[in-house]
Amino acid sequence: MDGQSNARPVIIKRKKIIKASGHHGGAWKVAYADFVTAMMAFFMLMWLLNATTEKQRKGLADYFSPTIPVNRISGGGDGAFGGDSVTADGDQPESGSGVVHLYSVADGAGGNEAKDAQFKQEMAAQAAEIDAILTARSGESMTMERALRHVITKVTDEGLTIEIFDLEDVPLFEGLTAKPEPITKDIAALLVDVLGITTNKLAVNGFVRSFPITLIDNPAWAMSAARAQSLRELMQEFADDSARFARVSGFADRKPVTSNPMAVRNNRLEVVLLRKDR
């Protein structure tokens, strides 16, 4: 008995084990919020599709696709014009591939809806007819096909505009002069022949690329006006109808068509079939 009383006492330690509860830190709330947001976006998309027109949906698509320029124009397939794109840096015509039509008349061009509608119909009809003639001419010879690489057409609030522009390897004029290259003479003869189907007054506009500001004498104004005058003279040689020209203008480098104002593409001429209601 005494031995048992001197024994070391036995200590029993009871460890309380607490089982994990159902709390997971709230991650499910984030997932649920994402799900609700996605569903809201989905229903908003469905509502927009039902509440907008085809034109409005196209505008929304263009807005959310900044890499695709508005009014992107392509030269066509692999036929007579080679299928090259006429856009430079994705925003403006760069290399001609035949005749490209940009039907984009400014809103309120005539200040009267009835006149605007009539103007659009007339210009669209003339553009289609000129397009058919130029397309037919492109198949006549390699010379005509090469010439049409420099040409595009577009309908503006001023009238039907035929634009002729430099290519990187084929300029329209010699150097910084107004002396036309042979290709320019071919284009002038072609234009006279094609424009014979119309009776509208004509305007000739000249544009050139920007020059470095370090130049002491900037030739932009004189050169743009001289080149416009040179094209008018060429067209008169083939048509002998000076009364049809309403004006000849030089705009220097004030209206570039590319993001780079010094690009060769900005060297161009415009022959405008002026509106009869102005």
C-alpha atoms as a PDB file:
ATOM      1  CA  MET A   1       0.000   0.000   0.000  1.00  0.00           C
ATOM      2  CA  ASP A   2       2.828   2.337   0.815  1.00  0.00           C
ATOM      3  CA  GLY A   3       4.466   1.553  -2.507  1.00  0.00           C
ATOM      4  CA  GLN A   4       1.349   2.413  -4.365  1.00  0.00           C
ATOM      5  CA  SER A   5       1.003   5.717  -2.573  1.00  0.00           C
ATOM      6  CA  ASN A   6       4.506   6.732  -3.705  1.00  0.00           C
ATOM      7  CA  ALA A   7       3.803   6.009  -7.395  1.00  0.00           C
ATOM      8  CA  ARG A   8       3.842   8.887  -9.922  1.00  0.00           C
ATOM      9  CA  PRO A   9       0.309  10.056 -10.578  1.00  0.00           C
ATOM     10  CA  VAL A  10      -1.065   9.313 -14.035  1.00  0.00           C
ATOM     11  CA  ILE A  11      -2.162  12.475 -15.859  1.00  0.00           C
ATOM     12  CA  ILE A  12      -4.656  11.984 -18.638  1.00  0.00           C
ATOM     13  CA  LYS A  13      -4.669  14.840 -21.159  1.00  0.00           C
ATOM     14  CA  ARG A  14      -7.781  15.107 -23.232  1.00  0.00           C
ATOM     15  CA  LYS A  15      -7.330  17.010 -26.518  1.00  0.00           C
ATOM     16  CA  LYS A  16     -10.448  18.563 -27.875  1.00  0.00           C
ATOM     17  CA  ILE A  17     -10.654  18.229 -31.659  1.00  0.00           C
ATOM     18  CA  ILE A  18     -12.819  20.806 -33.407  1.00  0.00           C
ATOM     19  CA  LYS A  19     -13.987  19.749 -36.832  1.00  0.00           C
ATOM     20  CA  ALA A  20     -13.804  22.315 -39.649  1.00  0.00           C
ATOM     21  CA  SER A  21     -17.005  24.159 -40.303  1.00  0.00           C
ATOM     22  CA  GLY A  22     -18.545  24.938 -43.720  1.00  0.00           C
ATOM     23  CA  HIS A  23     -16.803  28.356 -44.032  1.00  0.00           C
ATOM     24  CA  HIS A  24     -14.460  28.574 -47.074  1.00  0.00           C
ATOM     25  CA  GLY A  25     -13.180  32.106 -46.890  1.00  0.00           C
ATOM     26  CA  GLY A  26     -15.822  33.680 -49.181  1.00  0.00           C
ATOM     27  CA  ALA A  27     -14.265  32.634 -52.530  1.00  0.00           C
ATOM     28  CA  TRP A  28     -17.654  31.426 -53.685  1.00  0.00           C
ATOM     29  CA  LYS A  29     -18.954  34.971 -53.436  1.00  0.00           C
ATOM     30  CA  VAL A  30     -16.402  36.166 -55.991  1.00  0.00           C
ATOM     31  CA  ALA A  31     -17.335  33.361 -58.367  1.00  0.00           C
ATOM     32  CA  TYR A  32     -21.019  34.129 -57.939  1.00  0.00           C
ATOM     33  CA  ALA A  33     -20.428  37.834 -58.608  1.00  0.00           C
ATOM     34  CA  ASP A  34     -18.579  36.969 -61.819  1.00  0.00           C
ATOM     35  CA  PHE A  35     -21.456  34.743 -62.876  1.00  0.00           C
ATOM     36  CA  VAL A  36     -24.042  37.467 -62.202  1.00  0.00           C
ATOM     37  CA  THR A  37     -21.930  40.020 -64.142  1.00  0.00           C
ATOM     38  CA  ALA A  38     -21.620  37.667 -67.101  1.00  0.00           C
ATOM     39  CA  MET A  39     -25.368  37.039 -67.126  1.00  0.00           C
ATOM     40  CA  MET A  40     -26.081  40.765 -66.985  1.00  0.00           C
ATOM     41  CA  ALA A  41     -23.739  41.353 -69.924  1.00  0.00           C
ATOM     42  CA  PHE A  42     -25.403  38.536 -71.840  1.00  0.00           C
ATOM     43  CA  PHE A  43     -28.906  39.909 -71.330  1.00  0.00           C
ATOM     44  CA  MET A  44     -27.719  43.413 -72.235  1.00  0.00           C
ATOM     45  CA  LEU A  45     -26.257  42.012 -75.458  1.00  0.00           C
ATOM     46  CA  MET A  46     -29.521  40.265 -76.273  1.00  0.00           C
ATOM     47  CA  TRP A  47     -31.431  43.483 -75.616  1.00  0.00           C
ATOM     48  CA  LEU A  48     -29.098  45.481 -77.875  1.00  0.00           C
ATOM     49  CA  LEU A  49     -29.473  42.963 -80.676  1.00  0.00           C
ATOM     50  CA  ASN A  50     -33.231  43.282 -80.457  1.00  0.00           C
ATOM     51  CA  ALA A  51     -33.406  47.057 -79.982  1.00  0.00           C
ATOM     52  CA  THR A  52     -30.941  48.256 -82.658  1.00  0.00           C
ATOM     53  CA  THR A  53     -30.916  48.349 -86.432  1.00  0.00           C
ATOM     54  CA  GLU A  54     -28.402  46.625 -88.690  1.00  0.00           C
ATOM     55  CA  LYS A  55     -26.632  49.950 -89.314  1.00  0.00           C
ATOM     56  CA  GLN A  56     -26.363  50.679 -85.597  1.00  0.00           C
ATOM     57  CA  ARG A  57     -25.000  47.207 -84.900  1.00  0.00           C
ATOM     58  CA  LYS A  58     -22.365  47.696 -87.578  1.00  0.00           C
ATOM     59  CA  GLY A  59     -21.383  50.979 -85.951  1.00  0.00           C
ATOM     60  CA  LEU A  60     -21.028  49.280 -82.578  1.00  0.00           C
ATOM     61  CA  ALA A  61     -18.914  46.539 -84.119  1.00  0.00           C
ATOM     62  CA  ASP A  62     -16.624  49.115 -85.773  1.00  0.00           C
ATOM     63  CA  TYR A  63     -16.281  50.988 -82.475  1.00  0.00           C
ATOM     64  CA  PHE A  64     -15.112  47.880 -80.614  1.00  0.00           C
ATOM     65  CA  SER A  65     -12.768  46.824 -83.442  1.00  0.00           C
ATOM     66  CA  PRO A  66     -10.169  49.649 -83.553  1.00  0.00           C
ATOM     67  CA  THR A  67      -7.840  47.576 -85.736  1.00  0.00           C
ATOM     68  CA  ILE A  68     -10.443  47.558 -88.516  1.00  0.00           C
ATOM     69  CA  PRO A  69     -10.753  51.009 -90.114  1.00  0.00           C
ATOM     70  CA  VAL A  70     -14.140  52.475 -90.850  1.00  0.00           C
ATOM     71  CA  ASN A  71     -14.951  52.317 -94.576  1.00  0.00           C
ATOM     72  CA  ARG A  72     -12.184  49.813 -95.236  1.00  0.00           C
ATOM     73  CA  ILE A  73     -11.898  49.433 -98.972  1.00  0.00           C
ATOM     74  CA  SER A  74     -10.467  46.483-100.849  1.00  0.00           C
ATOM     75  CA  GLY A  75      -9.437  46.306-104.437  1.00  0.00           C
ATOM     76  CA  GLY A  76     -11.286  43.037-105.037  1.00  0.00           C
ATOM     77  CA  GLY A  77     -10.187  39.512-105.807  1.00  0.00           C
ATOM     78  CA  ASP A  78      -7.450  38.122-107.984  1.00  0.00           C
ATOM     79  CA  GLY A  79      -8.939  39.308-111.264  1.00  0.00           C
ATOM     80  CA  ALA A  80      -7.970  42.167-113.511  1.00  0.00           C
ATOM     81  CA  PHE A  81      -6.791  44.435-110.684  1.00  0.00           C
ATOM     82  CA  GLY A  82      -4.635  41.941-108.832  1.00  0.00           C
ATOM     83  CA  GLY A  83      -6.589  42.019-105.578  1.00  0.00           C
ATOM     84  CA  ASP A  84      -4.310  44.523-103.830  1.00  0.00           C
ATOM     85  CA  SER A  85      -5.731  46.555-100.995  1.00  0.00           C
ATOM     86  CA  VAL A  86      -5.876  50.312-101.528  1.00  0.00           C
ATOM     87  CA  THR A  87      -5.551  51.135 -97.841  1.00  0.00           C
ATOM     88  CA  ALA A  88      -2.404  52.467 -96.261  1.00  0.00           C
ATOM     89  CA  ASP A  89      -1.846  51.822 -92.548  1.00  0.00           C
ATOM     90  CA  GLY A  90      -5.393  50.573 -92.462  1.00  0.00           C
ATOM     91  CA  ASP A  91      -7.048  53.910 -92.866  1.00  0.00           C
ATOM     92  CA  GLN A  92      -6.677  55.443 -96.324  1.00  0.00           C
ATOM     93  CA  PRO A  93      -6.252  54.377 -99.966  1.00  0.00           C
ATOM     94  CA  GLU A  94      -2.595  53.572-100.581  1.00  0.00           C
ATOM     95  CA  SER A  95      -2.058  51.604-103.777  1.00  0.00           C
ATOM     96  CA  GLY A  96      -4.514  51.546-106.599  1.00  0.00           C
ATOM     97  CA  SER A  97      -5.876  48.261-107.805  1.00  0.00           C
ATOM     98  CA  GLY A  98      -8.347  49.474-110.348  1.00  0.00           C
ATOM     99  CA  VAL A  99     -11.448  51.463-109.639  1.00  0.00           C
ATOM    100  CA  VAL A 100     -12.688  51.564-106.070  1.00  0.00           C
ATOM    101  CA  HIS A 101     -15.938  53.311-105.148  1.00  0.00           C
ATOM    102  CA  LEU A 102     -16.510  55.046-101.840  1.00  0.00           C
ATOM    103  CA  TYR A 103     -20.177  56.011-101.675  1.00  0.00           C
ATOM    104  CA  SER A 104     -20.038  58.311 -98.667  1.00  0.00           C
ATOM    105  CA  VAL A 105     -21.991  61.479 -99.318  1.00  0.00           C
ATOM    106  CA  ALA A 106     -21.883  63.910 -96.412  1.00  0.00           C
ATOM    107  CA  ASP A 107     -25.131  64.425 -94.536  1.00  0.00           C
ATOM    108  CA  GLY A 108     -26.992  67.539 -95.566  1.00  0.00           C
ATOM    109  CA  ALA A 109     -24.855  67.993 -98.657  1.00  0.00           C
ATOM    110  CA  GLY A 110     -27.527  69.886-100.530  1.00  0.00           C
ATOM    111  CA  GLY A 111     -29.340  71.331 -97.537  1.00  0.00           C
ATOM    112  CA  ASN A 112     -32.438  69.626 -98.812  1.00  0.00           C
ATOM    113  CA  GLU A 113     -33.353  65.968 -98.415  1.00  0.00           C
ATOM    114  CA  ALA A 114     -35.077  65.745-101.782  1.00  0.00           C
ATOM    115  CA  LYS A 115     -32.101  67.258-103.582  1.00  0.00           C
ATOM    116  CA  ASP A 116     -29.729  65.031-101.659  1.00  0.00           C
ATOM    117  CA  ALA A 117     -31.661  61.923-102.639  1.00  0.00           C
ATOM    118  CA  GLN A 118     -31.714  62.957-106.288  1.00  0.00           C
ATOM    119  CA  PHE A 119     -27.999  63.796-106.164  1.00  0.00           C
ATOM    120  CA  LYS A 120     -27.136  60.408-104.672  1.00  0.00           C
ATOM    121  CA  GLN A 121     -29.104  58.620-107.361  1.00  0.00           C
ATOM    122  CA  GLU A 122     -27.474  60.591-110.161  1.00  0.00           C
ATOM    123  CA  MET A 123     -23.957  60.170-108.791  1.00  0.00           C
ATOM    124  CA  ALA A 124     -24.464  56.467-108.107  1.00  0.00           C
ATOM    125  CA  ALA A 125     -25.689  55.960-111.681  1.00  0.00           C
ATOM    126  CA  GLN A 126     -22.746  57.884-113.128  1.00  0.00           C
ATOM    127  CA  ALA A 127     -20.285  56.065-110.882  1.00  0.00           C
ATOM    128  CA  ALA A 128     -21.648  52.695-111.952  1.00  0.00           C
ATOM    129  CA  GLU A 129     -21.420  53.628-115.612  1.00  0.00           C
ATOM    130  CA  ILE A 130     -17.893  54.974-115.295  1.00  0.00           C
ATOM    131  CA  ASP A 131     -16.897  51.924-113.287  1.00  0.00           C
ATOM    132  CA  ALA A 132     -18.139  49.619-116.022  1.00  0.00           C
ATOM    133  CA  ILE A 133     -16.186  51.508-118.686  1.00  0.00           C
ATOM    134  CA  LEU A 134     -12.953  51.609-116.676  1.00  0.00           C
ATOM    135  CA  THR A 135     -13.238  47.950-115.767  1.00  0.00           C
ATOM    136  CA  ALA A 136     -13.694  47.076-119.433  1.00  0.00           C
ATOM    137  CA  ARG A 137     -10.704  49.219-120.397  1.00  0.00           C
ATOM    138  CA  SER A 138      -8.478  47.518-117.845  1.00  0.00           C
ATOM    139  CA  GLY A 139      -8.697  44.316-119.852  1.00  0.00           C
ATOM    140  CA  GLU A 140      -7.715  45.901-123.151  1.00  0.00           C
ATOM    141  CA  SER A 141      -3.976  46.087-122.493  1.00  0.00           C
ATOM    142  CA  MET A 142      -1.317  45.969-119.806  1.00  0.00           C
ATOM    143  CA  THR A 143      -0.896  49.728-120.212  1.00  0.00           C
ATOM    144  CA  MET A 144      -4.499  50.397-119.230  1.00  0.00           C
ATOM    145  CA  GLU A 145      -4.278  47.942-116.362  1.00  0.00           C
ATOM    146  CA  ARG A 146      -1.152  49.636-115.021  1.00  0.00           C
ATOM    147  CA  ALA A 147      -2.765  53.064-115.422  1.00  0.00           C
ATOM    148  CA  LEU A 148      -5.838  52.069-113.445  1.00  0.00           C
ATOM    149  CA  ARG A 149      -3.660  51.135-110.472  1.00  0.00           C
ATOM    150  CA  HIS A 150      -3.429  54.896-109.880  1.00  0.00           C
ATOM    151  CA  VAL A 151      -7.183  55.540-109.973  1.00  0.00           C
ATOM    152  CA  ILE A 152      -9.981  55.383-107.436  1.00  0.00           C
ATOM    153  CA  THR A 153     -13.406  57.055-107.464  1.00  0.00           C
ATOM    154  CA  LYS A 154     -15.597  58.307-104.657  1.00  0.00           C
ATOM    155  CA  VAL A 155     -18.826  60.262-104.253  1.00  0.00           C
ATOM    156  CA  THR A 156     -18.533  63.302-101.981  1.00  0.00           C
ATOM    157  CA  ASP A 157     -20.844  66.211-101.250  1.00  0.00           C
ATOM    158  CA  GLU A 158     -19.095  68.108-104.058  1.00  0.00           C
ATOM    159  CA  GLY A 159     -19.740  65.503-106.717  1.00  0.00           C
ATOM    160  CA  LEU A 160     -18.228  62.387-108.242  1.00  0.00           C
ATOM    161  CA  THR A 161     -14.474  62.525-107.661  1.00  0.00           C
ATOM    162  CA  ILE A 162     -11.883  60.597-109.652  1.00  0.00           C
ATOM    163  CA  GLU A 163      -8.624  60.513-107.716  1.00  0.00           C
ATOM    164  CA  ILE A 164      -5.261  59.877-109.380  1.00  0.00           C
ATOM    165  CA  PHE A 165      -2.251  59.307-107.125  1.00  0.00           C
ATOM    166  CA  ASP A 166       1.423  58.381-107.036  1.00  0.00           C
ATOM    167  CA  LEU A 167       2.580  54.870-106.298  1.00  0.00           C
ATOM    168  CA  GLU A 168       5.843  54.243-104.478  1.00  0.00           C
ATOM    169  CA  ASP A 169       7.580  53.042-107.625  1.00  0.00           C
ATOM    170  CA  VAL A 170       5.522  54.884-110.258  1.00  0.00           C
ATOM    171  CA  PRO A 171       5.155  58.668-109.824  1.00  0.00           C
ATOM    172  CA  LEU A 172       2.823  60.753-111.974  1.00  0.00           C
ATOM    173  CA  PHE A 173       5.331  63.575-112.491  1.00  0.00           C
ATOM    174  CA  GLU A 174       9.087  63.892-112.848  1.00  0.00           C
ATOM    175  CA  GLY A 175      10.704  64.654-109.504  1.00  0.00           C
ATOM    176  CA  LEU A 176       9.414  67.845-107.916  1.00  0.00           C
ATOM    177  CA  THR A 177       8.195  69.252-111.208  1.00  0.00           C
ATOM    178  CA  ALA A 178       4.859  69.441-113.008  1.00  0.00           C
ATOM    179  CA  LYS A 179       6.187  67.588-116.054  1.00  0.00           C
ATOM    180  CA  PRO A 180       3.880  64.579-116.523  1.00  0.00           C
ATOM    181  CA  GLU A 181       5.175  61.050-116.868  1.00  0.00           C
ATOM    182  CA  PRO A 182       3.872  58.887-119.763  1.00  0.00           C
ATOM    183  CA  ILE A 183       1.512  57.089-117.378  1.00  0.00           C
ATOM    184  CA  THR A 184      -0.132  60.433-116.528  1.00  0.00           C
ATOM    185  CA  LYS A 185      -0.754  61.123-120.209  1.00  0.00           C
ATOM    186  CA  ASP A 186      -2.360  57.710-120.590  1.00  0.00           C
ATOM    187  CA  ILE A 187      -4.625  58.394-117.602  1.00  0.00           C
ATOM    188  CA  ALA A 188      -5.589  61.833-118.945  1.00  0.00           C
ATOM    189  CA  ALA A 189      -6.575  60.349-122.298  1.00  0.00           C
ATOM    190  CA  LEU A 190      -8.577  57.647-120.561  1.00  0.00           C
ATOM    191  CA  LEU A 191     -10.403  60.176-118.380  1.00  0.00           C
ATOM    192  CA  VAL A 192     -11.355  62.322-121.336  1.00  0.00           C
ATOM    193  CA  ASP A 193     -12.779  59.308-123.111  1.00  0.00           C
ATOM    194  CA  VAL A 194     -14.703  58.105-120.059  1.00  0.00           C
ATOM    195  CA  LEU A 195     -16.001  61.527-118.995  1.00  0.00           C
ATOM    196  CA  GLY A 196     -17.427  62.074-122.453  1.00  0.00           C
ATOM    197  CA  ILE A 197     -20.561  60.269-121.267  1.00  0.00           C
ATOM    198  CA  THR A 198     -21.234  63.075-118.748  1.00  0.00           C
ATOM    199  CA  THR A 199     -22.016  66.782-119.097  1.00  0.00           C
ATOM    200  CA  ASN A 200     -21.095  68.024-115.623  1.00  0.00           C
ATOM    201  CA  LYS A 201     -18.644  70.865-115.187  1.00  0.00           C
ATOM    202  CA  LEU A 202     -15.201  69.738-114.061  1.00  0.00           C
ATOM    203  CA  ALA A 203     -12.834  70.862-111.326  1.00  0.00           C
ATOM    204  CA  VAL A 204      -9.200  69.790-111.036  1.00  0.00           C
ATOM    205  CA  ASN A 205      -7.545  69.787-107.600  1.00  0.00           C
ATOM    206  CA  GLY A 206      -3.865  69.257-106.885  1.00  0.00           C
ATOM    207  CA  PHE A 207      -2.321  67.937-103.660  1.00  0.00           C
ATOM    208  CA  VAL A 208       1.250  67.081-102.660  1.00  0.00           C
ATOM    209  CA  ARG A 209       2.945  65.481 -99.694  1.00  0.00           C
ATOM    210  CA  SER A 210       4.481  67.542 -96.898  1.00  0.00           C
ATOM    211  CA  PHE A 211       8.118  68.583 -97.112  1.00  0.00           C
ATOM    212  CA  PRO A 212      10.582  68.977 -94.217  1.00  0.00           C
ATOM    213  CA  ILE A 213      10.131  72.259 -92.367  1.00  0.00           C
ATOM    214  CA  THR A 214      13.864  72.874 -92.756  1.00  0.00           C
ATOM    215  CA  LEU A 215      13.364  73.814 -96.403  1.00  0.00           C
ATOM    216  CA  ILE A 216      13.918  77.507 -97.038  1.00  0.00           C
ATOM    217  CA  ASP A 217      11.551  77.526 -99.997  1.00  0.00           C
ATOM    218  CA  ASN A 218       8.641  75.100 -99.615  1.00  0.00           C
ATOM    219  CA  PRO A 219       7.417  74.136-103.117  1.00  0.00           C
ATOM    220  CA  ALA A 220       4.106  72.618-101.967  1.00  0.00           C
ATOM    221  CA  TRP A 221       1.742  75.419-103.019  1.00  0.00           C
ATOM    222  CA  ALA A 222       3.282  76.137-106.405  1.00  0.00           C
ATOM    223  CA  MET A 223       3.772  72.456-107.240  1.00  0.00           C
ATOM    224  CA  SER A 224       0.219  71.388-106.352  1.00  0.00           C
ATOM    225  CA  ALA A 225      -1.284  74.174-108.475  1.00  0.00           C
ATOM    226  CA  ALA A 226       1.119  73.518-111.358  1.00  0.00           C
ATOM    227  CA  ARG A 227       0.332  69.808-111.421  1.00  0.00           C
ATOM    228  CA  ALA A 228      -3.411  70.457-111.418  1.00  0.00           C
ATOM    229  CA  GLN A 229      -2.922  72.873-114.296  1.00  0.00           C
ATOM    230  CA  SER A 230      -0.773  70.325-116.129  1.00  0.00           C
ATOM    231  CA  LEU A 231      -3.520  67.693-115.913  1.00  0.00           C
ATOM    232  CA  ARG A 232      -6.106  70.167-117.163  1.00  0.00           C
ATOM    233  CA  GLU A 233      -3.891  70.990-120.142  1.00  0.00           C
ATOM    234  CA  LEU A 234      -3.414  67.298-120.915  1.00  0.00           C
ATOM    235  CA  MET A 235      -7.151  66.686-120.825  1.00  0.00           C
ATOM    236  CA  GLN A 236      -7.784  69.675-123.064  1.00  0.00           C
ATOM    237  CA  GLU A 237      -5.290  68.329-125.596  1.00  0.00           C
ATOM    238  CA  PHE A 238      -7.425  65.214-125.941  1.00  0.00           C
ATOM    239  CA  ALA A 239     -10.852  66.874-125.653  1.00  0.00           C
ATOM    240  CA  ASP A 240     -10.340  70.517-126.740  1.00  0.00           C
ATOM    241  CA  ASP A 241     -13.173  71.635-124.468  1.00  0.00           C
ATOM    242  CA  SER A 242     -11.850  74.348-122.161  1.00  0.00           C
ATOM    243  CA  ALA A 243     -15.351  75.636-121.363  1.00  0.00           C
ATOM    244  CA  ARG A 244     -16.085  72.516-119.348  1.00  0.00           C
ATOM    245  CA  PHE A 245     -13.490  73.268-116.655  1.00  0.00           C
ATOM    246  CA  ALA A 246     -14.940  75.353-113.834  1.00  0.00           C
ATOM    247  CA  ARG A 247     -11.791  75.721-111.747  1.00  0.00           C
ATOM    248  CA  VAL A 248      -8.250  74.507-111.137  1.00  0.00           C
ATOM    249  CA  SER A 249      -7.010  74.537-107.532  1.00  0.00           C
ATOM    250  CA  GLY A 250      -3.839  73.734-105.639  1.00  0.00           C
ATOM    251  CA  PHE A 251      -4.160  72.684-101.984  1.00  0.00           C
ATOM    252  CA  ALA A 252      -0.451  72.113-101.251  1.00  0.00           C
ATOM    253  CA  ASP A 253      -0.045  69.645 -98.355  1.00  0.00           C
ATOM    254  CA  ARG A 254      -3.088  70.829 -96.406  1.00  0.00           C
ATOM    255  CA  LYS A 255      -5.264  67.727 -96.922  1.00  0.00           C
ATOM    256  CA  PRO A 256      -3.188  64.550 -96.461  1.00  0.00           C
ATOM    257  CA  VAL A 257      -4.979  61.228 -96.910  1.00  0.00           C
ATOM    258  CA  THR A 258      -2.580  59.191 -94.761  1.00  0.00           C
ATOM    259  CA  SER A 259      -1.457  59.407 -91.154  1.00  0.00           C
ATOM    260  CA  ASN A 260       2.014  60.270 -92.428  1.00  0.00           C
ATOM    261  CA  PRO A 261       1.740  63.624 -94.251  1.00  0.00           C
ATOM    262  CA  MET A 262       5.092  63.013 -95.955  1.00  0.00           C
ATOM    263  CA  ALA A 263       3.951  59.751 -97.580  1.00  0.00           C
ATOM    264  CA  VAL A 264       4.108  59.546-101.372  1.00  0.00           C
ATOM    265  CA  ARG A 265       0.408  58.605-101.429  1.00  0.00           C
ATOM    266  CA  ASN A 266      -0.420  62.253-100.680  1.00  0.00           C
ATOM    267  CA  ASN A 267       0.850  63.257-104.128  1.00  0.00           C
ATOM    268  CA  ARG A 268      -2.453  63.152-105.975  1.00  0.00           C
ATOM    269  CA  LEU A 269      -4.873  64.889-108.310  1.00  0.00           C
ATOM    270  CA  GLU A 270      -8.655  64.981-108.277  1.00  0.00           C
ATOM    271  CA  VAL A 271     -10.988  65.419-111.224  1.00  0.00           C
ATOM    272  CA  VAL A 272     -14.412  66.300-109.813  1.00  0.00           C
ATOM    273  CA  LEU A 273     -17.669  66.067-111.723  1.00  0.00           C
ATOM    274  CA  LEU A 274     -19.392  68.970-110.038  1.00  0.00           C
ATOM    275  CA  ARG A 275     -23.001  68.846-108.929  1.00  0.00           C
ATOM    276  CA  LYS A 276     -25.470  70.475-111.285  1.00  0.00           C
ATOM    277  CA  ASP A 277     -27.606  71.851-108.449  1.00  0.00           C
ATOM    278  CA  ARG A 278     -24.840  74.132-107.193  1.00  0.00           C
END
